[in-house]
């Protein structure tokens, strides 16, 4: 899975199943959230560009991708390449 846009890795946490959740902060109060990854390739505070590898999809091949404008989820379609 790669970053949808340039920004800074704001957080790397884990869900209740110990699966990493990566949050990237972008310009204009936007954040992207990626969950369901293994082999995390970034660290908190890293600068990323569009296409930077964040990690690999887990065995199920399902990755959760979310775009947030502040605390509000927004339609991610226009952010996908």
Protein backbone atom coordinates (compact mmCIF):
# COMPACT_ATOMS: atom_id res chain seq x y z
CA UNK A 1 0.00 0.00 0.00
CA UNK A 2 1.30 3.42 -0.88
CA UNK A 3 0.58 6.93 0.39
CA UNK A 4 -2.26 8.66 -1.44
CA UNK A 5 -0.46 12.00 -1.20
CA UNK A 6 2.50 13.76 0.30
CA UNK A 7 2.50 14.47 4.01
CA UNK A 8 3.89 13.40 7.36
CA UNK A 9 3.27 10.15 9.22
CA UNK A 10 1.35 11.51 12.20
CA UNK A 11 0.76 8.24 14.04
CA UNK A 12 1.26 4.51 13.91
CA UNK A 13 -0.99 2.66 16.33
CA UNK A 14 -2.46 -0.84 16.53
CA UNK A 15 -6.02 -2.08 16.65
CA UNK A 16 -7.34 -4.62 19.17
CA UNK A 17 -5.93 -7.45 17.02
CA UNK A 18 -2.48 -5.78 17.06
CA UNK A 19 -2.75 -4.83 13.36
CA UNK A 20 -1.00 -1.53 12.51
CA UNK A 21 -2.96 1.62 11.70
CA UNK A 22 -1.02 4.38 9.92
CA UNK A 23 -2.22 8.00 9.86
CA UNK A 24 -0.69 10.45 7.38
CA UNK A 25 -1.34 14.19 7.82
CA UNK A 26 -1.59 16.20 4.59
CA UNK A 27 -1.95 19.91 3.84
CA UNK A 28 -5.33 21.52 4.40
CA UNK A 29 -6.41 19.57 7.50
CA UNK A 30 -6.63 16.28 5.52
CA UNK A 31 -5.55 12.95 6.95
CA UNK A 32 -5.45 9.51 5.38
CA UNK A 33 -5.79 6.36 7.45
CA UNK A 34 -4.49 2.94 6.40
CA UNK A 35 -5.25 -0.25 8.35
CA UNK A 36 -4.71 -3.92 7.61
CA UNK A 37 -1.01 -3.65 6.76
CA UNK A 38 2.00 -5.76 7.65
CA UNK A 39 5.68 -4.95 7.19
CA UNK A 40 5.22 -1.27 8.02
CA UNK A 41 7.89 0.63 6.08
CA UNK A 42 7.59 4.07 7.72
CA UNK A 43 7.98 5.60 11.17
CA UNK A 44 6.11 8.35 12.97
CA UNK A 45 7.41 11.71 11.79
CA UNK A 46 8.58 10.46 8.37
CA UNK A 47 7.85 12.68 5.38
CA UNK A 48 6.16 10.73 2.59
CA UNK A 49 5.37 11.52 -1.02
CA UNK A 50 2.58 10.24 -3.22
CA UNK A 51 3.39 6.60 -3.89
CA UNK A 52 5.71 6.07 -0.90
CA UNK A 53 5.34 2.49 0.34
CA UNK A 54 3.71 2.41 3.78
CA UNK A 55 3.49 -1.37 4.14
CA UNK A 56 2.05 -4.48 2.54
CA UNK A 57 -1.50 -5.79 2.60
CA UNK A 58 -1.92 -8.63 5.07
CA UNK A 59 -2.68 -12.19 3.95
CA UNK A 60 -6.36 -11.41 3.39
CA UNK A 61 -5.38 -8.66 0.92
CA UNK A 62 -7.89 -6.24 2.45
CA UNK A 63 -6.73 -2.76 3.40
CA UNK A 64 -8.90 -0.15 5.08
CA UNK A 65 -8.37 3.31 3.51
CA UNK A 66 -10.04 6.39 4.88
CA UNK A 67 -9.78 10.12 4.14
CA UNK A 68 -10.61 12.58 6.90
CA UNK A 69 -11.08 16.31 6.79
CA UNK A 70 -10.41 17.06 10.43
CA UNK A 71 -12.63 14.60 12.30
CA UNK A 72 -15.05 14.05 9.41
CA UNK A 73 -14.73 11.13 6.99
CA UNK A 74 -14.99 12.22 3.35
CA UNK A 75 -15.47 10.32 0.09
CA UNK A 76 -12.01 8.95 -0.79
CA UNK A 77 -12.70 8.42 -4.50
CA UNK A 78 -11.13 11.71 -5.64
CA UNK A 79 -7.95 10.89 -3.67
CA UNK A 80 -7.35 7.48 -5.24
CA UNK A 81 -5.04 7.14 -8.25
